[in-house]
Amino acid sequence: MEAENKGRQQRPTWLKWLLRIVFAYIGLLVLVLASAILTMTGTFTLIVLELFMDNDSLRTINEQYLVPSSEFLWDLFTRLVPGL
């Protein structure tokens, strides 16, 4: 058992932390993009429902809550990804 461990090189600590940071950053990007897509889908769904119904409360909900949150999440995603 010890012979196997001696023959195998251990990864440097800085490489482990670098990989953890990169994977955490990618996870954050995935989370922000998924939330942005969900809020945009909800926004478009309410817009389509509003076309078929004569109800202004859907427009109010949409303009008050979903549009600002989807804009914030999309801006956050574009700021987190360099070059976008």
N, C-alpha and C. Protein backbone atom coordinates (compact mmCIF):
# COMPACT_ATOMS: atom_id res chain seq x y z
N MET A 1 0.82 -1.19 0.00
CA MET A 1 0.00 0.00 0.00
C MET A 1 0.86 1.26 0.00
N GLU A 2 1.90 1.25 0.83
CA GLU A 2 2.78 2.42 0.88
C GLU A 2 3.59 2.57 -0.39
N ALA A 3 3.88 1.45 -1.05
CA ALA A 3 4.63 1.52 -2.30
C ALA A 3 3.79 2.19 -3.39
N GLU A 4 2.49 1.96 -3.38
CA GLU A 4 1.62 2.60 -4.35
C GLU A 4 1.56 4.10 -4.12
N ASN A 5 1.51 4.53 -2.87
CA ASN A 5 1.46 5.95 -2.55
C ASN A 5 2.77 6.65 -2.87
N LYS A 6 3.89 5.96 -2.73
CA LYS A 6 5.17 6.59 -3.03
C LYS A 6 5.35 6.78 -4.53
N GLY A 7 4.84 5.87 -5.34
CA GLY A 7 4.98 5.96 -6.78
C GLY A 7 4.07 7.01 -7.38
N ARG A 8 3.03 7.32 -6.70
CA ARG A 8 2.04 8.29 -7.20
C ARG A 8 2.35 9.68 -6.67
N GLN A 9 2.40 10.66 -7.57
CA GLN A 9 2.69 12.03 -7.13
C GLN A 9 1.42 12.68 -6.62
N GLN A 10 1.59 13.46 -5.57
CA GLN A 10 0.45 14.20 -5.04
C GLN A 10 0.34 15.53 -5.77
N ARG A 11 -0.90 15.98 -5.93
CA ARG A 11 -1.12 17.28 -6.56
C ARG A 11 -0.71 18.38 -5.61
N PRO A 12 -0.15 19.45 -6.16
CA PRO A 12 0.19 20.58 -5.30
C PRO A 12 -1.06 21.23 -4.72
N THR A 13 -0.92 21.83 -3.57
CA THR A 13 -2.05 22.46 -2.89
C THR A 13 -2.60 23.62 -3.70
N TRP A 14 -1.74 24.40 -4.34
CA TRP A 14 -2.21 25.54 -5.12
C TRP A 14 -3.06 25.10 -6.30
N LEU A 15 -2.76 23.92 -6.88
CA LEU A 15 -3.56 23.42 -7.99
C LEU A 15 -4.95 22.99 -7.53
N LYS A 16 -5.01 22.38 -6.36
CA LYS A 16 -6.30 21.99 -5.81
C LYS A 16 -7.18 23.22 -5.56
N TRP A 17 -6.60 24.26 -4.99
CA TRP A 17 -7.37 25.47 -4.70
C TRP A 17 -7.75 26.20 -5.98
N LEU A 18 -6.88 26.19 -6.96
CA LEU A 18 -7.19 26.83 -8.23
C LEU A 18 -8.38 26.13 -8.91
N LEU A 19 -8.37 24.80 -8.89
CA LEU A 19 -9.49 24.05 -9.47
C LEU A 19 -10.78 24.29 -8.71
N ARG A 20 -10.71 24.37 -7.39
CA ARG A 20 -11.90 24.65 -6.59
C ARG A 20 -12.48 26.02 -6.92
N ILE A 21 -11.62 27.01 -7.07
CA ILE A 21 -12.08 28.37 -7.39
C ILE A 21 -12.70 28.41 -8.78
N VAL A 22 -12.08 27.74 -9.75
CA VAL A 22 -12.61 27.72 -11.11
C VAL A 22 -13.97 27.03 -11.14
N PHE A 23 -14.10 25.90 -10.45
CA PHE A 23 -15.38 25.20 -10.43
C PHE A 23 -16.46 25.98 -9.67
N ALA A 24 -16.08 26.69 -8.63
CA ALA A 24 -17.05 27.53 -7.91
C ALA A 24 -17.52 28.68 -8.80
N TYR A 25 -16.62 29.26 -9.57
CA TYR A 25 -16.98 30.33 -10.50
C TYR A 25 -17.92 29.83 -11.58
N ILE A 26 -17.64 28.66 -12.12
CA ILE A 26 -18.52 28.07 -13.13
C ILE A 26 -19.88 27.74 -12.53
N GLY A 27 -19.90 27.25 -11.30
CA GLY A 27 -21.17 26.97 -10.63
C GLY A 27 -21.99 28.24 -10.42
N LEU A 28 -21.32 29.33 -10.05
CA LEU A 28 -22.01 30.61 -9.89
C LEU A 28 -22.60 31.08 -11.22
N LEU A 29 -21.84 30.94 -12.31
CA LEU A 29 -22.34 31.32 -13.63
C LEU A 29 -23.57 30.50 -14.01
N VAL A 30 -23.52 29.21 -13.73
CA VAL A 30 -24.65 28.34 -14.06
C VAL A 30 -25.88 28.75 -13.26
N LEU A 31 -25.68 29.02 -11.98
CA LEU A 31 -26.81 29.41 -11.12
C LEU A 31 -27.44 30.74 -11.57
N VAL A 32 -26.61 31.72 -11.88
CA VAL A 32 -27.13 33.02 -12.32
C VAL A 32 -27.83 32.90 -13.67
N LEU A 33 -27.25 32.15 -14.59
CA LEU A 33 -27.86 32.01 -15.91
C LEU A 33 -29.18 31.23 -15.82
N ALA A 34 -29.23 30.19 -15.00
CA ALA A 34 -30.47 29.43 -14.85
C ALA A 34 -31.57 30.30 -14.25
N SER A 35 -31.23 31.12 -13.25
CA SER A 35 -32.25 31.99 -12.67
C SER A 35 -32.70 33.05 -13.66
N ALA A 36 -31.78 33.57 -14.46
CA ALA A 36 -32.16 34.56 -15.47
C ALA A 36 -33.09 33.95 -16.51
N ILE A 37 -32.80 32.75 -16.93
CA ILE A 37 -33.66 32.09 -17.91
C ILE A 37 -35.04 31.83 -17.34
N LEU A 38 -35.11 31.41 -16.08
CA LEU A 38 -36.42 31.16 -15.46
C LEU A 38 -37.24 32.43 -15.33
N THR A 39 -36.62 33.52 -14.92
CA THR A 39 -37.38 34.76 -14.78
C THR A 39 -37.80 35.32 -16.14
N MET A 40 -36.95 35.16 -17.15
CA MET A 40 -37.33 35.61 -18.50
C MET A 40 -38.47 34.76 -19.05
N THR A 41 -38.44 33.48 -18.77
CA THR A 41 -39.53 32.61 -19.20
C THR A 41 -40.84 33.00 -18.52
N GLY A 42 -40.77 33.31 -17.24
CA GLY A 42 -41.96 33.77 -16.53
C GLY A 42 -42.47 35.08 -17.08
N THR A 43 -41.58 35.98 -17.43
CA THR A 43 -41.96 37.26 -18.01
C THR A 43 -42.70 37.07 -19.32
N PHE A 44 -42.12 36.26 -20.20
CA PHE A 44 -42.76 36.04 -21.50
C PHE A 44 -44.08 35.28 -21.36
N THR A 45 -44.16 34.39 -20.40
CA THR A 45 -45.41 33.66 -20.18
C THR A 45 -46.52 34.61 -19.74
N LEU A 46 -46.20 35.52 -18.85
CA LEU A 46 -47.21 36.48 -18.41
C LEU A 46 -47.59 37.45 -19.53
N ILE A 47 -46.66 37.78 -20.38
CA ILE A 47 -46.98 38.65 -21.52
C ILE A 47 -47.95 37.94 -22.46
N VAL A 48 -47.70 36.67 -22.73
CA VAL A 48 -48.59 35.92 -23.62
C VAL A 48 -49.96 35.73 -22.97
N LEU A 49 -49.99 35.44 -21.68
CA LEU A 49 -51.28 35.31 -20.98
C LEU A 49 -52.06 36.61 -20.99
N GLU A 50 -51.35 37.70 -20.89
CA GLU A 50 -52.01 39.00 -20.88
C GLU A 50 -52.68 39.31 -22.22
N LEU A 51 -52.13 38.78 -23.30
CA LEU A 51 -52.73 38.99 -24.61
C LEU A 51 -54.11 38.34 -24.71
N PHE A 52 -54.28 37.21 -24.05
CA PHE A 52 -55.55 36.50 -24.12
C PHE A 52 -56.54 36.91 -23.04
N MET A 53 -56.06 37.53 -21.99
CA MET A 53 -56.94 37.94 -20.89
C MET A 53 -56.95 39.46 -20.81
N ASP A 54 -58.05 40.00 -20.39
CA ASP A 54 -58.14 41.45 -20.20
C ASP A 54 -57.93 41.78 -18.73
N ASN A 55 -56.74 41.48 -18.25
CA ASN A 55 -56.44 41.65 -16.83
C ASN A 55 -55.16 42.47 -16.71
N ASP A 56 -55.25 43.63 -16.11
CA ASP A 56 -54.07 44.48 -15.96
C ASP A 56 -53.20 44.09 -14.78
N SER A 57 -53.67 43.22 -13.93
CA SER A 57 -52.86 42.82 -12.78
C SER A 57 -51.65 42.00 -13.21
N LEU A 58 -51.77 41.25 -14.30
CA LEU A 58 -50.61 40.51 -14.82
C LEU A 58 -49.53 41.45 -15.30
N ARG A 59 -49.94 42.53 -15.95
CA ARG A 59 -48.97 43.52 -16.42
C ARG A 59 -48.27 44.19 -15.24
N THR A 60 -49.05 44.48 -14.20
CA THR A 60 -48.47 45.11 -13.01
C THR A 60 -47.46 44.20 -12.34
N ILE A 61 -47.82 42.94 -12.18
CA ILE A 61 -46.88 41.97 -11.58
C ILE A 61 -45.64 41.84 -12.44
N ASN A 62 -45.85 41.78 -13.72
CA ASN A 62 -44.73 41.63 -14.64
C ASN A 62 -43.78 42.83 -14.58
N GLU A 63 -44.34 44.03 -14.62
CA GLU A 63 -43.50 45.23 -14.62
C GLU A 63 -42.87 45.50 -13.27
N GLN A 64 -43.54 45.10 -12.19
CA GLN A 64 -43.00 45.38 -10.86
C GLN A 64 -41.93 44.39 -10.43
N TYR A 65 -42.13 43.12 -10.74
CA TYR A 65 -41.26 42.10 -10.16
C TYR A 65 -40.38 41.38 -11.17
N LEU A 66 -40.97 40.86 -12.21
CA LEU A 66 -40.21 39.98 -13.09
C LEU A 66 -39.26 40.71 -14.03
N VAL A 67 -39.68 41.81 -14.59
CA VAL A 67 -38.81 42.53 -15.53
C VAL A 67 -37.55 43.07 -14.83
N PRO A 68 -37.67 43.74 -13.68
CA PRO A 68 -36.43 44.20 -13.02
C PRO A 68 -35.51 43.07 -12.57
N SER A 69 -36.10 41.97 -12.09
CA SER A 69 -35.24 40.87 -11.64
C SER A 69 -34.56 40.19 -12.81
N SER A 70 -35.26 40.02 -13.94
CA SER A 70 -34.61 39.39 -15.09
C SER A 70 -33.53 40.31 -15.67
N GLU A 71 -33.76 41.62 -15.68
CA GLU A 71 -32.72 42.55 -16.14
C GLU A 71 -31.51 42.53 -15.23
N PHE A 72 -31.75 42.49 -13.91
CA PHE A 72 -30.64 42.43 -12.96
C PHE A 72 -29.83 41.15 -13.14
N LEU A 73 -30.50 40.01 -13.28
CA LEU A 73 -29.78 38.75 -13.42
C LEU A 73 -29.01 38.68 -14.73
N TRP A 74 -29.59 39.20 -15.80
CA TRP A 74 -28.88 39.20 -17.08
C TRP A 74 -27.67 40.13 -17.03
N ASP A 75 -27.82 41.31 -16.42
CA ASP A 75 -26.66 42.20 -16.28
C ASP A 75 -25.57 41.58 -15.42
N LEU A 76 -25.97 40.88 -14.36
CA LEU A 76 -25.01 40.21 -13.50
C LEU A 76 -24.26 39.14 -14.28
N PHE A 77 -24.99 38.37 -15.08
CA PHE A 77 -24.34 37.33 -15.87
C PHE A 77 -23.35 37.92 -16.88
N THR A 78 -23.75 38.99 -17.56
CA THR A 78 -22.85 39.58 -18.54
C THR A 78 -21.63 40.23 -17.87
N ARG A 79 -21.76 40.69 -16.65
CA ARG A 79 -20.60 41.25 -15.95
C ARG A 79 -19.67 40.15 -15.45
N LEU A 80 -20.23 38.99 -15.12
CA LEU A 80 -19.39 37.88 -14.62
C LEU A 80 -18.61 37.19 -15.73
N VAL A 81 -19.13 37.24 -16.97
CA VAL A 81 -18.44 36.60 -18.07
C VAL A 81 -17.61 37.64 -18.80
N PRO A 82 -16.31 37.50 -18.77
CA PRO A 82 -15.48 38.50 -19.45
C PRO A 82 -15.65 38.41 -20.97
N GLY A 83 -15.76 39.54 -21.61
CA GLY A 83 -15.89 39.58 -23.05
C GLY A 83 -17.32 39.67 -23.56
N LEU A 84 -18.30 39.60 -22.67
CA LEU A 84 -19.70 39.72 -23.13
C LEU A 84 -20.16 41.14 -23.04
